[in-house]
Protein backbone atom coordinates (compact mmCIF):
# COMPACT_ATOMS: atom_id res chain seq x y z
CA MET A 1 -26.38 41.82 -16.20
CA SER A 2 -29.89 43.06 -17.03
CA ASP A 3 -32.07 44.19 -19.59
CA THR A 4 -30.11 47.14 -19.82
CA THR A 5 -26.81 48.22 -18.34
CA THR A 6 -24.48 50.95 -17.24
CA VAL A 7 -20.86 50.52 -18.71
CA GLY A 8 -17.41 52.82 -17.04
CA ALA A 9 -16.45 55.79 -19.27
CA ALA A 10 -13.41 54.36 -19.42
CA THR A 11 -15.02 51.62 -21.48
CA GLN A 12 -13.25 51.38 -25.44
CA TRP A 13 -16.16 51.26 -27.97
CA HIS A 14 -15.79 50.02 -31.26
CA LYS A 15 -17.64 50.70 -34.51
CA SER A 16 -17.37 48.69 -37.86
CA SER A 17 -15.07 50.37 -40.68
CA ARG A 18 -17.89 49.36 -42.85
CA SER A 19 -20.22 52.12 -40.61
CA ASN A 20 -21.47 54.63 -42.92
CA LYS A 21 -21.03 58.45 -42.02
CA SER A 22 -24.49 59.13 -41.15
CA GLY A 23 -24.15 58.49 -37.68
CA SER A 24 -26.46 55.57 -37.68
CA CYS A 25 -24.56 53.03 -36.24
CA VAL A 26 -24.24 50.33 -33.16
CA GLU A 27 -20.63 50.19 -31.07
CA VAL A 28 -19.73 47.11 -28.91
CA ALA A 29 -17.22 46.42 -25.89
CA SER A 30 -16.41 44.06 -24.00
CA VAL A 31 -17.33 44.35 -20.05
CA GLY A 32 -16.15 41.01 -18.21
CA THR A 33 -17.05 38.60 -20.31
CA ALA A 34 -20.09 39.88 -21.65
CA ARG A 35 -20.78 42.40 -24.85
CA VAL A 36 -22.62 45.46 -24.64
CA ALA A 37 -24.28 47.09 -27.90
CA ARG A 38 -25.61 50.56 -27.58
CA ASP A 39 -26.89 53.00 -30.59
CA SER A 40 -23.40 56.06 -31.74
CA LYS A 41 -26.61 58.94 -31.52
CA ASP A 42 -27.49 58.28 -27.92
CA PRO A 43 -23.87 56.78 -26.56
CA ASP A 44 -26.12 57.69 -22.82
CA GLY A 45 -28.79 56.24 -23.57
CA PRO A 46 -29.89 52.30 -23.18
CA VAL A 47 -26.72 50.03 -23.11
CA LEU A 48 -27.77 45.92 -24.14
CA PRO A 49 -25.57 43.52 -23.17
CA PHE A 50 -25.28 39.94 -24.52
CA ALA A 51 -24.11 36.62 -22.39
CA PRO A 52 -21.00 34.83 -24.17
CA ALA A 53 -22.56 32.01 -25.86
CA THR A 54 -25.89 34.79 -27.34
CA TRP A 55 -22.91 37.22 -28.91
CA ALA A 56 -20.62 34.29 -30.08
CA SER A 57 -24.11 32.96 -31.71
CA PHE A 58 -24.87 35.86 -32.88
CA LEU A 59 -21.28 36.63 -35.18
CA ASN A 60 -21.48 33.06 -36.04
CA ASN A 61 -24.67 34.25 -37.82
CA VAL A 62 -23.65 36.80 -39.27
CA LYS A 63 -20.60 35.34 -40.43
CA GLU A 64 -23.04 32.77 -42.15
CA GLY A 65 -25.01 35.44 -44.13
CA MET A 66 -28.38 34.74 -42.38
CA TYR A 67 -28.92 38.16 -41.45
CA ASP A 68 -28.02 39.52 -45.59
CA LEU A 69 -30.74 41.78 -47.46
CA PRO A 70 -31.73 39.64 -50.69
């Protein structure tokens, strides 16, 4: 996949249950073995692809609190 990609209309997007009501959210979907992310305010905008290993590393870092605010 390139830096941005197009996904089909049937793609199932998911948003965190902890997302706020303002609509400032990131949505994630699976496309083959890759994961893609987009801005929920711009569903027709760019889609960023992540290789499986990159996505797994990101999730691990989130779980370890690497991105938590002080």
